[in-house]
Amino acid sequence: MSGATAVKKQTMNVPLLDLKAQFVSIEDEVRAAMDSVLETQRFILGPQVSDLENEIAAYSHCAHAVGVSSGTDALLLALMALGVGRGDEVITTPYSFFATAGVVSRLGARPVFCDIDPLTYNLAPEAVDAFISEGCESRGGKLINRATQGEVKVLMPVHLFGQTAEMSVLGDLAAAHGLQVVEDAAQAIGSEYAGGKRAGSMGDIGCFSFFPSKNLGAFGDGGMCTTNDAELAERMRILRVHGSKPKYYHALVGGNFRLDELQAAVLRVKLRYLDQWTEGRQRNAAHYTQALADAGLGEAVQTPHRCEGYRHIYNQYVIRVSQRDALQASLKEASIGTEVYYPVSLHAQECFADLGYAQGDFPHSSSAAAQTLALPVYPELTEAQLDYVVDAIAGFHH
C-alpha cells in the first residue's frame, strides 16, 4: 500500500493555525478586558496602550516601547524617526515579507539587498560586509553606494521565523560604518540572541507585529516599536500622531500610526501566556525534528537550524525539501495546512524591477523561496496531529 493511500484511509484535519483553540482557553479574560475598555469608552492611546507599552518594553529588555497600528507601520515609523528619506539607502534581506522593503520604497529610499545564510535564512553578515567593502566608500563620514551615489543610512536585519539574526557581527559592521540599526522583529517577540539579548533590544529601534497569526497576535492589526533611546522614543510618539505636539501644533510631518485600546487590552491578556505558548511551540518543533529523523528523512527533509545559545520561538517551523510544491499538494490532500514563506524573493518582485537586480543575484534567497515550507506548529496541536503530519511527509518521500 502506498503512503498516499494510507494517508487517505486515516485522514485527520491539521490546520496551519487554529486561533479558535487558543481563544477557548482565554475567552473569559479577553472578554473581561474588552468590557473594561467599553466601560471607559476610551479607544485611542489610553491606559491599556500605555500599560502594554511598559509590559512589552520590560519583556523585550528595552527602556521604551511605542504602540503602533501594525508591524508595517512600526517599520515605517522607525525609518521616519531615523530620518530616512528620498535618495537614502537601507541594507536588508531579499527573503522576507514584503513590508520589509516596501516601507523603504514608500519613503522614497532604496532597499539594498544582501543574501541570506542558507541555514538560518537570516541576513548573512558576510554578504553585508562584502557589499560595503566592495560596493561602497566613505565620504565625509557618510557611507556612499558607488553604483547609485546614494547614502546608505540603515542596516535592517530580519529575525526570520522566530530566530534572531547574527546581531553581534551585524552590529559591529553597522557601528564601523556609521549605520543605524532597525530590527525587523515582526516574527520574533521573546526570541533571544546568544547571551540572552532579546529581539528588539539590540538595534536603535526594534519593530514588532501583532498580526493575528503571530505568536502574540491581536484581534486585528497592531504593532510596537522598542528602543533604549529616550529621544527616539519621544520622536516616534510624536510622529505616530501626525507629528503633533502639543495637539494641533506640528513641528514634524508624521502619520496616523496609533495602536487602539481594544487591541492593547487583548494583547495584555495574551502576553501573560506568551512564554507558555512559546514552550509549546518549542516542544512541537523538537517533536517534529526528532520524528522526521526517526522516519529516515534526514537527507530528504532539512529541518530548522537552531543556533546554539539562541532562544528560537518558532513563529514558523520551516522545512526545506527539493519537491516543495508537490509535497505541499500532497499534504493538502491529507487535510494538512501549510504555507510558503516566501515564494518570490523581494529582488525578483515586479515592483522592484527598477532596482536593477537580476534573477540570480541572491542564490541562497532564491533557493529558499523555491524549497521551503512551513508546517503547523502552534501550541495546541496534539501529539497525534504532529505524528500524522510526519507520517504524511514520510509517505510522500517513501
Protein backbone atom coordinates (compact mmCIF):
# COMPACT_ATOMS: atom_id res chain seq x y z
CA MET A 1 0.00 0.00 0.00
CA SER A 2 1.45 3.39 -0.95
CA GLY A 3 1.95 6.19 1.61
CA ALA A 4 -0.61 8.33 -0.22
CA THR A 5 -3.23 5.60 0.02
CA ALA A 6 -2.53 5.07 3.72
CA VAL A 7 -2.98 8.76 4.37
CA LYS A 8 -6.35 8.83 2.65
CA LYS A 9 -7.64 5.98 4.84
CA GLN A 10 -6.98 7.83 8.10
CA THR A 11 -7.46 11.49 7.28
CA MET A 12 -7.07 13.91 10.17
CA ASN A 13 -7.53 17.67 9.92
CA VAL A 14 -4.43 19.67 10.86
CA PRO A 15 -4.85 23.37 10.03
CA LEU A 16 -1.80 25.60 9.68
CA LEU A 17 -3.11 27.65 12.62
CA ASP A 18 -6.13 27.28 14.89
CA LEU A 19 -6.82 30.52 16.73
CA LYS A 20 -10.15 29.20 17.98
CA ALA A 21 -8.30 26.66 20.13
CA GLN A 22 -6.26 29.44 21.69
CA PHE A 23 -9.28 31.67 22.26
CA VAL A 24 -11.23 28.97 24.13
CA SER A 25 -8.54 28.86 26.82
CA ILE A 26 -8.57 32.63 27.49
CA GLU A 27 -12.05 33.70 26.41
CA ASP A 28 -13.29 34.88 29.82
CA GLU A 29 -10.20 37.00 30.45
CA VAL A 30 -10.29 38.53 26.99
CA ARG A 31 -13.97 39.40 27.20
CA ALA A 32 -13.45 40.99 30.63
CA ALA A 33 -10.54 43.04 29.30
CA MET A 34 -12.55 44.24 26.31
CA ASP A 35 -15.54 45.04 28.53
CA SER A 36 -13.32 47.25 30.68
CA VAL A 37 -12.45 49.30 27.61
CA LEU A 38 -16.09 49.53 26.58
CA GLU A 39 -16.97 50.83 30.02
CA THR A 40 -14.37 53.61 29.84
CA GLN A 41 -15.18 54.48 26.20
CA ARG A 42 -11.52 55.39 25.72
CA PHE A 43 -10.46 53.81 22.46
CA ILE A 44 -7.30 55.59 21.30
CA LEU A 45 -3.97 55.81 23.20
CA GLY A 46 -5.46 55.25 26.64
CA PRO A 47 -4.20 53.39 29.72
CA GLN A 48 -4.31 49.94 28.09
CA VAL A 49 -1.88 51.10 25.40
CA SER A 50 0.38 52.73 27.97
CA ASP A 51 0.40 49.64 30.17
CA LEU A 52 1.06 47.35 27.21
CA GLU A 53 3.96 49.56 26.14
CA ASN A 54 5.51 49.23 29.58
CA GLU A 55 4.98 45.46 29.60
CA ILE A 56 6.40 44.90 26.10
CA ALA A 57 9.40 47.12 26.90
CA ALA A 58 10.13 45.04 30.01
CA TYR A 59 9.52 41.75 28.19
CA SER A 60 11.89 42.78 25.38
CA HIS A 61 14.54 44.14 27.79
CA CYS A 62 14.13 47.68 26.47
CA ALA A 63 13.71 51.05 28.14
CA HIS A 64 10.87 52.26 25.90
CA ALA A 65 8.07 50.94 23.68
CA VAL A 66 5.70 52.81 21.39
CA GLY A 67 2.43 51.15 20.36
CA VAL A 68 1.52 51.49 16.68
CA SER A 69 -1.15 50.40 14.22
CA SER A 70 0.67 47.47 12.56
CA GLY A 71 4.03 45.81 12.11
CA THR A 72 4.37 47.55 8.76
CA ASP A 73 3.74 50.93 10.37
CA ALA A 74 6.30 50.06 13.06
CA LEU A 75 8.94 49.68 10.35
CA LEU A 76 7.77 52.82 8.58
CA LEU A 77 7.76 54.84 11.79
CA ALA A 78 11.23 53.60 12.73
CA LEU A 79 12.73 54.69 9.43
CA MET A 80 10.94 58.05 9.61
CA ALA A 81 12.27 58.62 13.12
CA LEU A 82 15.80 57.92 11.88
CA GLY A 83 15.42 60.45 9.09
CA VAL A 84 15.40 58.05 6.14
CA GLY A 85 14.09 59.78 3.04
CA ARG A 86 14.44 60.28 -0.68
CA GLY A 87 17.79 59.13 -2.05
CA ASP A 88 18.81 57.26 1.09
CA GLU A 89 19.52 53.53 1.14
CA VAL A 90 18.70 50.72 3.58
CA ILE A 91 20.55 47.39 3.60
CA THR A 92 18.22 44.45 4.19
CA THR A 93 17.33 40.91 3.14
CA PRO A 94 15.51 39.84 -0.03
CA TYR A 95 13.95 36.88 1.82
CA SER A 96 11.22 38.42 3.97
CA PHE A 97 7.64 39.65 3.97
CA PHE A 98 7.07 42.49 1.51
CA ALA A 99 6.78 45.19 4.20
CA THR A 100 10.49 44.93 5.00
CA ALA A 101 11.43 46.51 1.68
CA GLY A 102 8.09 48.16 0.93
CA VAL A 103 8.40 50.71 3.73
CA VAL A 104 11.81 51.75 2.41
CA SER A 105 10.40 52.48 -1.04
CA ARG A 106 7.40 54.33 0.42
CA LEU A 107 9.79 56.88 1.88
CA GLY A 108 11.48 57.40 -1.48
CA ALA A 109 14.52 55.48 -0.29
CA ARG A 110 16.15 52.45 -1.89
CA PRO A 111 16.27 48.93 -0.45
CA VAL A 112 19.69 47.36 -0.98
CA PHE A 113 19.56 43.59 -0.76
CA CYS A 114 22.23 41.24 0.58
CA ASP A 115 21.89 37.46 0.52
CA ILE A 116 20.90 35.23 3.42
CA ASP A 117 22.55 32.46 5.38
CA PRO A 118 21.30 29.18 3.83
CA LEU A 119 20.79 27.52 7.22
CA THR A 120 19.07 30.23 9.28
CA TYR A 121 17.54 32.19 6.34
CA ASN A 122 18.60 35.39 8.13
CA LEU A 123 20.68 38.17 6.61
CA ALA A 124 24.26 36.90 6.18
CA PRO A 125 26.85 39.21 7.81
CA GLU A 126 29.46 38.19 5.23
CA ALA A 127 27.15 39.31 2.42
CA VAL A 128 26.64 42.69 4.10
CA ASP A 129 30.39 43.01 4.66
CA ALA A 130 31.07 42.18 1.01
CA PHE A 131 28.59 44.79 -0.23
CA ILE A 132 30.04 47.50 1.99
CA SER A 133 33.68 46.72 1.29
CA GLU A 134 33.28 46.15 -2.45
CA GLY A 135 30.38 48.42 -3.33
CA CYS A 136 30.68 51.41 -1.02
CA GLU A 137 33.10 54.12 0.06
CA SER A 138 33.24 56.59 2.91
CA ARG A 139 32.87 60.29 2.06
CA GLY A 140 32.76 62.92 4.76
CA GLY A 141 31.64 60.41 7.36
CA LYS A 142 28.89 59.03 5.12
CA LEU A 143 28.73 55.57 3.53
CA ILE A 144 28.08 56.02 -0.18
CA ASN A 145 26.96 53.32 -2.60
CA ARG A 146 29.35 53.70 -5.56
CA ALA A 147 26.83 52.37 -8.09
CA THR A 148 23.95 54.69 -7.15
CA GLN A 149 25.72 57.50 -5.26
CA GLY A 150 23.06 57.12 -2.56
CA GLU A 151 23.86 57.40 1.13
CA VAL A 152 23.49 54.11 3.00
CA LYS A 153 21.91 55.07 6.33
CA VAL A 154 20.36 52.00 7.93
CA LEU A 155 21.00 48.29 8.31
CA MET A 156 17.72 46.40 8.74
CA PRO A 157 18.10 42.69 9.55
CA VAL A 158 15.02 40.48 9.89
CA HIS A 159 14.72 37.91 12.68
CA LEU A 160 13.01 35.42 10.41
CA PHE A 161 10.72 32.60 11.57
CA GLY A 162 11.42 33.32 15.26
CA GLN A 163 15.23 33.23 15.47
CA THR A 164 17.38 36.34 15.71
CA ALA A 165 19.90 37.31 13.08
CA GLU A 166 23.60 37.31 13.95
CA MET A 167 23.32 40.65 15.69
CA SER A 168 26.79 40.93 17.23
CA VAL A 169 28.55 40.76 13.87
CA LEU A 170 25.90 42.86 12.11
CA GLY A 171 26.02 45.43 14.92
CA ASP A 172 29.80 45.69 14.64
CA LEU A 173 29.51 46.22 10.87
CA ALA A 174 26.92 48.95 11.39
CA ALA A 175 28.99 50.70 14.05
CA ALA A 176 32.14 50.57 11.92
CA HIS A 177 30.37 52.34 9.06
CA GLY A 178 28.11 54.75 10.93
CA LEU A 179 24.86 52.93 10.16
CA GLN A 180 21.81 52.87 12.39
CA VAL A 181 20.15 49.50 13.00
CA VAL A 182 16.44 48.71 12.77
CA GLU A 183 15.47 45.18 13.82
CA ASP A 184 12.54 43.75 11.90
CA ALA A 185 11.36 41.56 14.76
CA ALA A 186 7.82 41.04 13.43
CA GLN A 187 8.13 37.26 13.89
CA ALA A 188 10.43 37.25 16.89
CA ILE A 189 8.93 38.61 20.12
CA GLY A 190 10.75 36.97 23.02
CA SER A 191 13.43 35.37 20.85
CA GLU A 192 16.98 35.75 22.13
CA TYR A 193 20.42 36.12 20.69
CA ALA A 194 23.34 34.37 22.37
CA GLY A 195 23.83 35.75 25.87
CA GLY A 196 20.12 36.32 26.45
CA LYS A 197 19.76 39.56 24.45
CA ARG A 198 16.17 39.81 23.29
CA ALA A 199 14.89 40.73 19.87
CA GLY A 200 14.15 44.44 19.69
CA SER A 201 16.79 45.43 22.24
CA MET A 202 19.95 45.20 20.14
CA GLY A 203 19.47 47.87 17.48
CA ASP A 204 18.49 51.52 17.57
CA ILE A 205 14.83 50.50 17.11
CA GLY A 206 13.04 47.15 17.18
CA CYS A 207 9.80 46.59 15.27
CA PHE A 208 7.12 44.05 16.22
CA SER A 209 3.91 42.90 14.59
CA PHE A 210 0.78 41.75 16.42
CA PHE A 211 -0.96 40.43 13.30
CA PRO A 212 -3.38 37.68 14.46
CA SER A 213 -1.19 34.81 13.21
CA LYS A 214 1.84 35.94 15.22
CA ASN A 215 2.85 34.22 18.46
CA LEU A 216 1.46 37.29 20.22
CA GLY A 217 -1.47 38.19 17.99
CA ALA A 218 -4.13 40.87 18.32
CA PHE A 219 -7.74 40.69 17.11
CA GLY A 220 -6.70 42.72 14.07
CA ASP A 221 -3.65 44.74 13.17
CA GLY A 222 -1.22 46.12 15.71
CA GLY A 223 2.48 46.70 16.25
CA MET A 224 5.16 48.09 18.54
CA CYS A 225 8.48 49.90 18.30
CA THR A 226 11.06 49.39 21.04
CA THR A 227 14.19 51.40 21.79
CA ASN A 228 16.65 52.22 24.54
CA ASP A 229 16.95 55.82 23.32
CA ALA A 230 14.59 58.22 25.11
CA GLU A 231 14.82 60.85 22.37
CA LEU A 232 13.99 58.34 19.64
CA ALA A 233 11.04 57.07 21.69
CA GLU A 234 9.66 60.58 22.06
CA ARG A 235 10.17 61.30 18.38
CA MET A 236 8.21 58.17 17.47
CA ARG A 237 5.39 59.09 19.86
CA ILE A 238 5.10 62.44 18.12
CA LEU A 239 5.32 61.01 14.61
CA ARG A 240 2.57 58.43 15.29
CA VAL A 241 0.04 61.26 15.85
CA HIS A 242 0.73 63.22 12.67
CA GLY A 243 3.85 64.83 14.14
CA SER A 244 1.73 66.77 16.61
CA LYS A 245 2.94 68.07 19.98
CA PRO A 246 1.08 69.71 21.55
CA LYS A 247 -2.17 68.84 19.80
CA TYR A 248 -2.69 70.74 16.54
CA TYR A 249 0.90 72.04 16.54
CA HIS A 250 3.15 70.24 14.05
CA ALA A 251 6.93 70.55 14.00
CA LEU A 252 7.10 67.27 12.08
CA VAL A 253 5.06 65.57 9.37
CA GLY A 254 4.03 62.20 10.79
CA GLY A 255 1.18 59.79 10.21
CA ASN A 256 -1.72 58.09 11.92
CA PHE A 257 0.11 55.11 13.44
CA ARG A 258 -1.80 54.67 16.70
CA LEU A 259 -2.49 51.38 18.46
CA ASP A 260 -6.04 51.31 19.82
CA GLU A 261 -7.18 50.38 23.31
CA LEU A 262 -9.16 47.26 22.43
CA GLN A 263 -6.18 45.66 20.74
CA ALA A 264 -3.93 46.61 23.64
CA ALA A 265 -6.37 45.10 26.13
CA VAL A 266 -6.43 41.80 24.22
CA LEU A 267 -2.65 41.76 23.87
CA ARG A 268 -2.12 42.36 27.59
CA VAL A 269 -4.14 39.22 28.36
CA LYS A 270 -2.26 37.18 25.77
CA LEU A 271 1.16 38.44 26.88
CA ARG A 272 0.67 36.67 30.21
CA TYR A 273 0.52 33.34 28.34
CA LEU A 274 3.21 34.02 25.74
CA ASP A 275 6.07 32.13 27.40
CA GLN A 276 3.79 29.14 27.98
CA TRP A 277 2.75 29.18 24.31
CA THR A 278 6.37 29.55 23.22
CA GLU A 279 7.29 26.47 25.23
CA GLY A 280 4.50 24.61 23.43
CA ARG A 281 5.88 25.65 20.06
CA GLN A 282 9.40 24.64 21.08
CA ARG A 283 8.10 21.28 22.27
CA ASN A 284 6.27 20.71 18.98
CA ALA A 285 9.31 21.77 16.96
CA ALA A 286 11.51 19.33 18.87
CA HIS A 287 8.95 16.57 18.28
CA TYR A 288 8.90 17.24 14.53
CA THR A 289 12.68 17.32 14.27
CA GLN A 290 13.11 14.03 16.14
CA ALA A 291 10.21 12.28 14.41
CA LEU A 292 11.38 13.30 10.94
CA ALA A 293 14.84 11.96 11.75
CA ASP A 294 13.37 8.73 13.16
CA ALA A 295 11.40 8.33 9.93
CA GLY A 296 14.64 8.29 7.97
CA LEU A 297 14.01 11.65 6.34
CA GLY A 298 17.26 13.29 7.40
CA GLU A 299 18.53 13.64 3.84
CA ALA A 300 15.20 14.41 2.17
CA VAL A 301 13.94 16.98 4.69
CA GLN A 302 16.08 19.77 6.13
CA THR A 303 14.64 20.78 9.49
CA PRO A 304 15.08 24.25 11.06
CA HIS A 305 18.58 25.09 12.23
CA ARG A 306 18.63 26.43 15.78
CA CYS A 307 21.77 28.37 16.63
CA GLU A 308 23.49 27.29 19.84
CA GLY A 309 22.58 29.51 22.78
CA TYR A 310 19.73 31.26 20.95
CA ARG A 311 16.08 31.19 22.03
CA HIS A 312 14.09 30.21 18.94
CA ILE A 313 10.37 30.91 19.40
CA TYR A 314 9.22 29.10 16.23
CA ASN A 315 6.82 31.66 14.84
CA GLN A 316 7.08 29.19 11.96
CA TYR A 317 8.51 25.69 11.68
CA VAL A 318 10.01 25.71 8.20
CA ILE A 319 11.36 22.62 6.46
CA ARG A 320 13.30 22.52 3.21
CA VAL A 321 12.65 19.90 0.51
CA SER A 322 13.55 19.57 -3.15
CA GLN A 323 9.98 18.88 -4.32
CA ARG A 324 8.30 21.56 -2.23
CA ASP A 325 5.25 22.24 -4.38
CA ALA A 326 4.48 18.56 -4.86
CA LEU A 327 4.83 17.91 -1.12
CA GLN A 328 2.54 20.84 -0.33
CA ALA A 329 -0.09 19.48 -2.71
CA SER A 330 0.20 16.03 -1.11
CA LEU A 331 -0.21 17.45 2.39
CA LYS A 332 -3.22 19.45 1.26
CA GLU A 333 -4.77 16.18 0.04
CA ALA A 334 -4.25 14.86 3.57
CA SER A 335 -6.01 17.92 5.08
CA ILE A 336 -2.76 19.36 6.46
CA GLY A 337 -2.35 23.12 6.25
CA THR A 338 0.98 24.55 5.12
CA GLU A 339 2.29 27.89 3.87
CA VAL A 340 5.14 29.05 1.65
CA TYR A 341 7.11 31.91 3.21
CA TYR A 342 8.04 33.38 0.69
CA PRO A 343 7.64 32.11 -2.92
CA VAL A 344 9.28 35.12 -4.62
CA SER A 345 12.40 36.85 -3.32
CA LEU A 346 11.93 40.58 -2.95
CA HIS A 347 14.61 41.39 -5.52
CA ALA A 348 12.54 39.47 -8.10
CA GLN A 349 9.24 41.23 -7.35
CA GLU A 350 7.85 43.18 -10.28
CA CYS A 351 7.51 46.40 -8.30
CA PHE A 352 11.26 46.39 -7.57
CA ALA A 353 12.35 45.85 -11.18
CA ASP A 354 13.74 49.38 -11.32
CA LEU A 355 16.31 48.47 -8.65
CA GLY A 356 18.20 46.65 -11.40
CA TYR A 357 18.70 43.27 -9.77
CA ALA A 358 18.92 40.11 -11.87
CA GLN A 359 17.05 36.88 -11.14
CA GLY A 360 20.16 35.02 -9.95
CA ASP A 361 21.73 37.77 -7.86
CA PHE A 362 20.90 36.21 -4.48
CA PRO A 363 21.07 32.44 -4.93
CA HIS A 364 20.53 31.48 -1.29
CA SER A 365 17.38 33.59 -1.11
CA SER A 366 16.05 32.26 -4.42
CA SER A 367 16.76 28.68 -3.38
CA ALA A 368 14.94 29.14 -0.07
CA ALA A 369 11.97 30.67 -1.90
CA ALA A 370 11.74 27.56 -4.09
CA GLN A 371 12.25 24.89 -1.43
CA THR A 372 10.87 25.93 1.97
CA LEU A 373 7.53 25.01 3.51
CA ALA A 374 6.03 25.93 6.89
CA LEU A 375 4.25 23.20 8.88
CA PRO A 376 1.66 23.68 11.64
CA VAL A 377 3.47 24.29 14.96
CA TYR A 378 1.01 26.17 17.19
CA PRO A 379 1.00 25.04 20.83
CA GLU A 380 -2.49 23.47 20.88
CA LEU A 381 -1.51 20.73 18.41
CA THR A 382 -1.78 17.20 19.77
CA GLU A 383 0.98 14.64 19.51
CA ALA A 384 -1.30 12.61 17.26
CA GLN A 385 -1.59 15.56 14.86
CA LEU A 386 2.17 16.07 14.82
CA ASP A 387 2.75 12.40 14.07
CA TYR A 388 0.09 12.49 11.35
CA VAL A 389 1.99 15.33 9.64
CA VAL A 390 5.28 13.42 9.87
CA ASP A 391 3.65 10.24 8.55
CA ALA A 392 2.22 12.17 5.61
CA ILE A 393 5.66 13.62 4.78
CA ALA A 394 7.22 10.18 5.09
CA GLY A 395 4.52 8.71 2.88
CA PHE A 396 5.29 11.26 0.19
CA HIS A 397 9.04 10.55 0.24
CA HIS A 398 8.81 6.77 0.52
